[in-house]
N, C-alpha and C. Protein backbone atom coordinates (compact mmCIF):
# COMPACT_ATOMS: atom_id res chain seq x y z
N MET A 1 -21.96 -10.24 -1.59
CA MET A 1 -20.56 -10.00 -1.62
C MET A 1 -20.00 -10.68 -2.86
N ALA A 2 -19.16 -9.84 -3.55
CA ALA A 2 -18.27 -10.47 -4.86
C ALA A 2 -17.08 -11.40 -4.13
N LYS A 3 -17.26 -12.49 -4.74
CA LYS A 3 -16.30 -13.56 -4.49
C LYS A 3 -15.94 -14.56 -5.60
N ASP A 4 -14.68 -14.70 -5.65
CA ASP A 4 -14.06 -15.56 -6.73
C ASP A 4 -13.75 -16.84 -5.86
N SER A 5 -14.75 -17.89 -5.86
CA SER A 5 -14.48 -19.04 -5.11
C SER A 5 -13.34 -19.94 -5.43
N GLY A 6 -13.09 -19.77 -7.04
CA GLY A 6 -12.01 -20.55 -7.52
C GLY A 6 -10.63 -20.10 -6.99
N LEU A 7 -10.43 -18.74 -6.82
CA LEU A 7 -9.14 -18.27 -6.25
C LEU A 7 -9.00 -18.06 -4.74
N GLY A 8 -10.25 -18.03 -4.13
CA GLY A 8 -10.13 -17.91 -2.68
C GLY A 8 -10.11 -16.50 -2.10
N TRP A 9 -10.52 -15.36 -2.96
CA TRP A 9 -10.52 -14.15 -2.37
C TRP A 9 -11.83 -13.30 -2.68
N ASP A 10 -12.04 -12.30 -1.95
CA ASP A 10 -13.24 -11.52 -2.22
C ASP A 10 -12.93 -10.10 -1.85
N VAL A 11 -13.87 -9.16 -2.23
CA VAL A 11 -13.65 -7.75 -1.99
C VAL A 11 -13.08 -7.52 -0.64
N GLU A 12 -13.80 -7.96 0.27
CA GLU A 12 -13.20 -7.63 1.81
C GLU A 12 -11.67 -8.03 1.85
N ALA A 13 -11.34 -9.18 1.46
CA ALA A 13 -9.95 -9.58 1.48
C ALA A 13 -9.10 -8.77 0.92
N LEU A 14 -9.45 -8.23 -0.33
CA LEU A 14 -8.61 -7.34 -1.24
C LEU A 14 -8.45 -5.96 -0.48
N ASN A 15 -9.61 -5.40 0.03
CA ASN A 15 -9.48 -4.29 0.77
C ASN A 15 -8.55 -4.43 2.16
N LYS A 16 -8.78 -5.53 2.72
CA LYS A 16 -7.85 -5.70 3.93
C LYS A 16 -6.34 -5.84 3.59
N ALA A 17 -6.07 -6.57 2.37
CA ALA A 17 -4.77 -6.68 1.95
C ALA A 17 -4.27 -5.17 1.57
N TYR A 18 -5.01 -4.47 0.77
CA TYR A 18 -4.54 -3.20 0.37
C TYR A 18 -4.12 -2.20 1.70
N ARG A 19 -5.14 -2.27 2.64
CA ARG A 19 -4.90 -1.44 3.87
C ARG A 19 -3.72 -1.97 4.45
N GLN A 20 -3.53 -3.13 4.77
CA GLN A 20 -2.32 -3.72 5.45
C GLN A 20 -1.01 -3.22 4.74
N GLY A 21 -1.10 -3.16 3.27
CA GLY A 21 0.07 -2.84 2.57
C GLY A 21 0.31 -1.44 2.71
N ALA A 22 -0.68 -0.72 2.71
CA ALA A 22 -0.58 0.74 3.00
C ALA A 22 0.19 1.17 4.29
N MET A 23 -0.43 0.29 5.26
CA MET A 23 0.33 0.53 6.67
C MET A 23 1.64 0.11 6.50
N ALA A 24 2.11 -0.97 6.06
CA ALA A 24 3.43 -1.49 5.96
C ALA A 24 4.28 -0.46 5.17
N GLY A 25 3.82 0.11 4.08
CA GLY A 25 4.61 1.09 3.26
C GLY A 25 4.65 2.37 3.89
N SER A 26 3.72 2.73 4.75
CA SER A 26 3.89 4.01 5.58
C SER A 26 4.76 3.89 6.67
N MET A 27 5.06 2.63 7.23
CA MET A 27 5.91 2.32 8.19
C MET A 27 7.47 2.00 7.78
N GLY A 28 7.47 2.03 6.56
CA GLY A 28 8.90 1.93 5.83
C GLY A 28 9.38 0.39 5.77
N MET A 29 8.38 -0.52 5.76
CA MET A 29 8.63 -1.97 5.71
C MET A 29 8.97 -2.28 4.21
N ASP A 30 9.93 -3.18 4.03
CA ASP A 30 10.22 -3.62 2.62
C ASP A 30 9.08 -4.42 1.81
N LYS A 31 9.08 -3.91 0.61
CA LYS A 31 7.89 -4.39 -0.17
C LYS A 31 7.96 -5.85 -0.33
N SER A 32 9.25 -6.56 -0.25
CA SER A 32 9.18 -7.90 -0.31
C SER A 32 8.73 -8.79 0.76
N ARG A 33 8.41 -8.10 1.85
CA ARG A 33 7.90 -8.73 3.00
C ARG A 33 6.39 -8.95 3.02
N CYS A 34 5.75 -8.84 1.74
CA CYS A 34 4.40 -9.04 1.71
C CYS A 34 3.97 -10.53 2.26
N PRO A 35 3.11 -10.58 3.17
CA PRO A 35 2.68 -11.87 3.92
C PRO A 35 1.73 -12.66 3.17
N TYR A 36 1.24 -12.10 1.90
CA TYR A 36 0.16 -12.91 1.28
C TYR A 36 0.64 -13.82 0.16
N ARG A 37 -0.09 -14.90 -0.11
CA ARG A 37 0.17 -15.74 -1.30
C ARG A 37 -0.95 -15.64 -2.32
N GLY A 38 -0.89 -15.68 -3.56
CA GLY A 38 -1.86 -15.56 -4.39
C GLY A 38 -1.79 -14.26 -5.20
N ASP A 39 -1.64 -14.19 -6.29
CA ASP A 39 -1.28 -13.23 -7.26
C ASP A 39 -2.24 -11.94 -6.98
N VAL A 40 -3.55 -12.16 -6.92
CA VAL A 40 -4.59 -10.97 -6.73
C VAL A 40 -4.28 -10.40 -5.63
N VAL A 41 -4.16 -11.12 -4.40
CA VAL A 41 -4.11 -10.62 -2.99
C VAL A 41 -2.88 -9.94 -2.87
N ILE A 42 -1.88 -10.34 -3.42
CA ILE A 42 -0.29 -9.72 -3.44
C ILE A 42 -0.55 -8.43 -4.24
N ALA A 43 -1.13 -8.28 -5.30
CA ALA A 43 -1.37 -7.27 -6.05
C ALA A 43 -2.11 -6.17 -5.30
N ALA A 44 -2.99 -6.27 -4.33
CA ALA A 44 -3.69 -5.58 -3.81
C ALA A 44 -2.77 -4.95 -2.66
N TRP A 45 -2.17 -5.87 -2.00
CA TRP A 45 -1.14 -5.34 -0.88
C TRP A 45 -0.06 -4.42 -1.54
N GLU A 46 0.37 -4.90 -2.64
CA GLU A 46 1.43 -4.08 -3.16
C GLU A 46 0.84 -2.70 -3.57
N ALA A 47 -0.35 -2.61 -4.00
CA ALA A 47 -1.05 -1.44 -4.55
C ALA A 47 -0.92 -0.52 -3.18
N GLY A 48 -1.30 -1.01 -2.12
CA GLY A 48 -1.43 -0.24 -0.85
C GLY A 48 0.04 0.34 -0.54
N TRP A 49 0.82 -0.63 -0.62
CA TRP A 49 2.29 -0.17 -0.30
C TRP A 49 2.85 0.97 -1.27
N ASP A 50 2.58 0.68 -2.48
CA ASP A 50 2.84 1.77 -3.52
C ASP A 50 2.18 3.03 -3.26
N ASP A 51 1.03 3.11 -3.05
CA ASP A 51 0.24 4.38 -2.59
C ASP A 51 0.74 5.05 -1.46
N ALA A 52 1.11 4.17 -0.50
CA ALA A 52 1.62 4.80 0.82
C ALA A 52 2.98 5.53 0.55
N GLN A 53 3.82 4.79 -0.33
CA GLN A 53 5.06 5.32 -0.62
C GLN A 53 5.07 6.68 -1.38
N GLU A 54 4.06 6.61 -2.40
CA GLU A 54 4.01 7.69 -3.19
C GLU A 54 3.51 9.06 -2.34
N ALA A 55 2.51 8.73 -1.36
CA ALA A 55 2.03 9.68 -0.35
C ALA A 55 3.16 10.26 0.33
N ALA A 56 4.07 9.39 0.94
CA ALA A 56 5.05 9.91 1.81
C ALA A 56 6.07 10.70 0.84
N GLU A 57 6.31 10.35 -0.39
CA GLU A 57 7.29 11.26 -1.06
C GLU A 57 6.63 12.40 -1.46
N ALA A 58 5.22 12.36 -1.81
CA ALA A 58 4.53 13.80 -1.98
C ALA A 58 4.75 14.64 -0.73
N GLN A 59 4.45 14.15 0.42
CA GLN A 59 4.56 14.81 1.77
C GLN A 59 6.08 15.42 1.89
N LYS A 60 7.10 14.55 1.66
CA LYS A 60 8.43 14.98 1.87
C LYS A 60 8.65 16.13 0.89
N GLN A 61 8.28 16.00 -0.37
CA GLN A 61 8.47 17.00 -1.26
C GLN A 61 7.87 18.41 -0.77
N GLN A 62 6.66 18.33 -0.41
CA GLN A 62 5.86 19.48 0.04
C GLN A 62 6.47 20.01 1.33
N ASN A 63 7.06 19.26 2.09
CA ASN A 63 7.72 19.69 3.36
C ASN A 63 9.20 20.40 2.87
N ASP A 64 9.89 19.85 1.84
CA ASP A 64 11.09 20.43 1.40
C ASP A 64 10.77 21.74 0.75
N ASN A 65 9.62 21.85 0.01
CA ASN A 65 9.40 23.22 -0.68
C ASN A 65 8.97 24.31 0.57
N LEU A 66 8.34 23.83 1.42
CA LEU A 66 8.06 24.69 2.57
C LEU A 66 9.24 25.26 3.34
N PHE A 67 10.25 24.30 3.50
CA PHE A 67 11.35 24.74 4.31
C PHE A 67 12.16 25.66 3.26
N ALA A 68 12.33 25.41 2.03
CA ALA A 68 12.97 26.27 1.15
C ALA A 68 12.43 27.68 1.02
N ARG A 69 11.08 27.70 1.20
CA ARG A 69 10.60 29.10 1.08
C ARG A 69 10.88 29.83 2.23
N ILE A 70 10.98 29.13 3.53
CA ILE A 70 11.17 29.76 4.84
C ILE A 70 12.56 30.17 5.02
N ALA A 71 13.65 29.52 4.55
CA ALA A 71 14.94 29.68 4.59
C ALA A 71 15.31 30.97 3.70
């Protein structure tokens, strides 16, 4: 397993932070509420949050386009 023992994170921890950030973003949680400390893990959480927000916006636009075509 890849681990940076000097910074206290490994790939599994980054994946977990990313998934939790994505969940927080999909639930509408504010980005400033990241529970992590440490730049690398925070960046992983924020990447998940950002991706969830982008996916939600894309879904909203798709739904808006669908409703516009129906109307």
